[in-house]
Amino acid sequence: MVANVRGRRPDQPREMTGKIEMELEILSKEDAEAKPAGKGQEEPNENPHLDPPNRPATSFLWFTSPWKSLRYIIWNNYKWYIIGGLILLLIIAMIGLFIYSAPGALSEKLISQL
């Protein structure tokens, strides 16, 4: 028997907050004694065999490793937006410096020709 359960928070009834995929096997007492199982991934890890969880390298402890968390969470999702924003800021700074220095350079050139 395989059951899919959807988790919801009582204060946010329309927002799904998690999913659980669960396999439930109902056995008689004799069958249960013949097929022992440990809690979680403890021994004996059979009936069914549980593979180790596939967790990301950050483990989402941002306060212990903030740069690694930024790399995995923010950089992977927003890399091109960040690069584009930095290039745009560089172009705006260059245009601003040109507008700031152009009148002085132009007036020096005009005065030096006289």
C-alpha atoms as a PDB file:
ATOM      1  CA  MET A   1       0.000   0.000   0.000  1.00  0.00           C
ATOM      2  CA  VAL A   2       1.491   3.338  -1.029  1.00  0.00           C
ATOM      3  CA  ALA A   3      -0.043   6.546   0.248  1.00  0.00           C
ATOM      4  CA  ASN A   4       0.634  10.155  -0.698  1.00  0.00           C
ATOM      5  CA  VAL A   5      -0.047  12.675   2.051  1.00  0.00           C
ATOM      6  CA  ARG A   6      -0.033  16.417   1.554  1.00  0.00           C
ATOM      7  CA  GLY A   7       0.938  18.594   4.481  1.00  0.00           C
ATOM      8  CA  ARG A   8      -0.773  21.885   5.188  1.00  0.00           C
ATOM      9  CA  ARG A   9      -0.432  24.446   7.929  1.00  0.00           C
ATOM     10  CA  PRO A  10      -3.639  25.381   9.733  1.00  0.00           C
ATOM     11  CA  ASP A  11      -3.005  29.114   9.389  1.00  0.00           C
ATOM     12  CA  GLN A  12      -2.380  28.830   5.608  1.00  0.00           C
ATOM     13  CA  PRO A  13      -4.976  26.355   4.323  1.00  0.00           C
ATOM     14  CA  ARG A  14      -4.321  26.924   0.593  1.00  0.00           C
ATOM     15  CA  GLU A  15      -0.516  26.662   0.677  1.00  0.00           C
ATOM     16  CA  MET A  16       1.010  23.210   0.448  1.00  0.00           C
ATOM     17  CA  THR A  17       3.981  23.012   2.840  1.00  0.00           C
ATOM     18  CA  GLY A  18       5.313  19.526   2.177  1.00  0.00           C
ATOM     19  CA  LYS A  19       4.853  16.072   0.704  1.00  0.00           C
ATOM     20  CA  ILE A  20       5.415  12.656   2.202  1.00  0.00           C
ATOM     21  CA  GLU A  21       5.649   9.433   0.272  1.00  0.00           C
ATOM     22  CA  MET A  22       5.080   6.522   2.584  1.00  0.00           C
ATOM     23  CA  GLU A  23       4.884   2.779   2.193  1.00  0.00           C
ATOM     24  CA  LEU A  24       2.834   0.966   4.798  1.00  0.00           C
ATOM     25  CA  GLU A  25       2.851  -2.803   5.226  1.00  0.00           C
ATOM     26  CA  ILE A  26       0.413  -4.464   7.610  1.00  0.00           C
ATOM     27  CA  LEU A  27       1.642  -7.834   8.871  1.00  0.00           C
ATOM     28  CA  SER A  28       0.475 -10.468  11.259  1.00  0.00           C
ATOM     29  CA  LYS A  29       2.493 -10.950  14.463  1.00  0.00           C
ATOM     30  CA  GLU A  30       4.245 -14.033  13.091  1.00  0.00           C
ATOM     31  CA  ASP A  31       5.259 -12.293   9.864  1.00  0.00           C
ATOM     32  CA  ALA A  32       6.472  -9.241  11.802  1.00  0.00           C
ATOM     33  CA  GLU A  33       8.700 -11.418  14.001  1.00  0.00           C
ATOM     34  CA  ALA A  34      10.037 -13.201  10.905  1.00  0.00           C
ATOM     35  CA  LYS A  35      10.880  -9.869   9.177  1.00  0.00           C
ATOM     36  CA  PRO A  36      12.540  -7.651  11.814  1.00  0.00           C
ATOM     37  CA  ALA A  37      13.132  -3.992  11.012  1.00  0.00           C
ATOM     38  CA  GLY A  38      15.055  -1.286  12.846  1.00  0.00           C
ATOM     39  CA  LYS A  39      13.896   2.264  13.473  1.00  0.00           C
ATOM     40  CA  GLY A  40      14.801   4.572  10.624  1.00  0.00           C
ATOM     41  CA  GLN A  41      18.054   3.356   9.093  1.00  0.00           C
ATOM     42  CA  GLU A  42      19.244   1.392  12.117  1.00  0.00           C
ATOM     43  CA  GLU A  43      20.054  -2.309  11.775  1.00  0.00           C
ATOM     44  CA  PRO A  44      18.455  -4.454  10.555  1.00  0.00           C
ATOM     45  CA  ASN A  45      17.883  -2.142   7.592  1.00  0.00           C
ATOM     46  CA  GLU A  46      15.699  -4.378   5.456  1.00  0.00           C
ATOM     47  CA  ASN A  47      12.024  -4.914   4.694  1.00  0.00           C
ATOM     48  CA  PRO A  48      12.265  -2.370   3.032  1.00  0.00           C
ATOM     49  CA  HIS A  49      15.918  -1.351   2.689  1.00  0.00           C
ATOM     50  CA  LEU A  50      16.326   2.401   3.283  1.00  0.00           C
ATOM     51  CA  ASP A  51      19.048   4.184   1.311  1.00  0.00           C
ATOM     52  CA  PRO A  52      20.881   7.089   2.979  1.00  0.00           C
ATOM     53  CA  PRO A  53      19.159  10.434   2.340  1.00  0.00           C
ATOM     54  CA  ASN A  54      20.446  12.569  -0.523  1.00  0.00           C
ATOM     55  CA  ARG A  55      20.962  15.941   1.159  1.00  0.00           C
ATOM     56  CA  PRO A  56      22.628  19.014  -0.369  1.00  0.00           C
ATOM     57  CA  ALA A  57      26.151  19.882   0.717  1.00  0.00           C
ATOM     58  CA  THR A  58      25.015  23.071   2.463  1.00  0.00           C
ATOM     59  CA  SER A  59      22.686  21.252   4.819  1.00  0.00           C
ATOM     60  CA  PHE A  60      21.011  24.690   5.008  1.00  0.00           C
ATOM     61  CA  LEU A  61      22.964  25.797   8.069  1.00  0.00           C
ATOM     62  CA  TRP A  62      23.562  29.275   6.677  1.00  0.00           C
ATOM     63  CA  PHE A  63      25.000  30.636   9.929  1.00  0.00           C
ATOM     64  CA  THR A  64      27.841  28.083   9.993  1.00  0.00           C
ATOM     65  CA  SER A  65      28.788  28.466   6.322  1.00  0.00           C
ATOM     66  CA  PRO A  66      27.161  31.552   4.796  1.00  0.00           C
ATOM     67  CA  TRP A  67      29.331  31.667   1.640  1.00  0.00           C
ATOM     68  CA  LYS A  68      28.573  28.062   0.751  1.00  0.00           C
ATOM     69  CA  SER A  69      24.863  28.683   1.307  1.00  0.00           C
ATOM     70  CA  LEU A  70      24.992  31.797  -0.871  1.00  0.00           C
ATOM     71  CA  ARG A  71      26.729  29.826  -3.595  1.00  0.00           C
ATOM     72  CA  TYR A  72      24.204  26.993  -3.635  1.00  0.00           C
ATOM     73  CA  ILE A  73      21.020  28.959  -3.043  1.00  0.00           C
ATOM     74  CA  ILE A  74      21.513  32.405  -4.552  1.00  0.00           C
ATOM     75  CA  TRP A  75      24.324  32.093  -7.113  1.00  0.00           C
ATOM     76  CA  ASN A  76      22.920  28.995  -8.862  1.00  0.00           C
ATOM     77  CA  ASN A  77      19.495  30.593  -9.272  1.00  0.00           C
ATOM     78  CA  TYR A  78      20.385  34.245  -9.954  1.00  0.00           C
ATOM     79  CA  LYS A  79      23.880  34.059 -11.522  1.00  0.00           C
ATOM     80  CA  TRP A  80      23.010  35.800 -14.804  1.00  0.00           C
ATOM     81  CA  TYR A  81      20.909  38.480 -13.095  1.00  0.00           C
ATOM     82  CA  ILE A  82      23.832  39.315 -10.792  1.00  0.00           C
ATOM     83  CA  ILE A  83      26.355  39.427 -13.656  1.00  0.00           C
ATOM     84  CA  GLY A  84      23.997  41.545 -15.780  1.00  0.00           C
ATOM     85  CA  GLY A  85      23.378  43.935 -12.875  1.00  0.00           C
ATOM     86  CA  LEU A  86      27.118  44.376 -12.277  1.00  0.00           C
ATOM     87  CA  ILE A  87      27.747  45.088 -15.969  1.00  0.00           C
ATOM     88  CA  LEU A  88      24.863  47.583 -16.003  1.00  0.00           C
ATOM     89  CA  LEU A  89      26.270  49.329 -12.920  1.00  0.00           C
ATOM     90  CA  LEU A  90      29.703  49.504 -14.574  1.00  0.00           C
ATOM     91  CA  ILE A  91      28.237  51.058 -17.739  1.00  0.00           C
ATOM     92  CA  ILE A  92      26.219  53.578 -15.716  1.00  0.00           C
ATOM     93  CA  ALA A  93      29.329  54.502 -13.701  1.00  0.00           C
ATOM     94  CA  MET A  94      31.365  55.033 -16.887  1.00  0.00           C
ATOM     95  CA  ILE A  95      28.648  57.233 -18.420  1.00  0.00           C
ATOM     96  CA  GLY A  96      28.376  59.195 -15.174  1.00  0.00           C
ATOM     97  CA  LEU A  97      32.145  59.758 -15.043  1.00  0.00           C
ATOM     98  CA  PHE A  98      32.135  60.904 -18.673  1.00  0.00           C
ATOM     99  CA  ILE A  99      29.324  63.393 -18.019  1.00  0.00           C
ATOM    100  CA  TYR A 100      31.096  64.616 -14.875  1.00  0.00           C
ATOM    101  CA  SER A 101      34.519  65.111 -16.509  1.00  0.00           C
ATOM    102  CA  ALA A 102      33.523  66.128 -20.047  1.00  0.00           C
ATOM    103  CA  PRO A 103      32.781  69.847 -19.341  1.00  0.00           C
ATOM    104  CA  GLY A 104      36.123  70.366 -17.567  1.00  0.00           C
ATOM    105  CA  ALA A 105      38.119  68.582 -20.269  1.00  0.00           C
ATOM    106  CA  LEU A 106      36.274  70.448 -23.032  1.00  0.00           C
ATOM    107  CA  SER A 107      36.848  73.827 -21.395  1.00  0.00           C
ATOM    108  CA  GLU A 108      40.578  73.057 -20.882  1.00  0.00           C
ATOM    109  CA  LYS A 109      40.913  72.104 -24.545  1.00  0.00           C
ATOM    110  CA  LEU A 110      39.155  75.288 -25.683  1.00  0.00           C
ATOM    111  CA  ILE A 111      41.280  77.497 -23.391  1.00  0.00           C
ATOM    112  CA  SER A 112      44.557  75.813 -24.413  1.00  0.00           C
ATOM    113  CA  GLN A 113      43.813  76.536 -28.122  1.00  0.00           C
ATOM    114  CA  LEU A 114      43.516  80.287 -27.464  1.00  0.00           C
END
